[in-house]
Amino acid sequence: MTSVRGETRTLLTCTAEEFLVNAQLDAYELDEQQGDPRVYSQNWERRIPRDLV
């Protein structure tokens, strides 16, 4: 059986016109001998219009 650990980070900022969302996902395989190597990583960036908010 393989054990994994996931880490996420999300940052929400804004400008006068948009909300800016940045997210990151990293997955690690838990392995005492190899020191938990990262097996997957993905980043997202989204710009969402504020529409008078």
Foldseek 3Di string as FASTA:
>chain_A
DWDKDKDKDWDWDDDPFWIKIKMKMWMWIDDPVVHTDTDDIDIDIDIGTPVVD
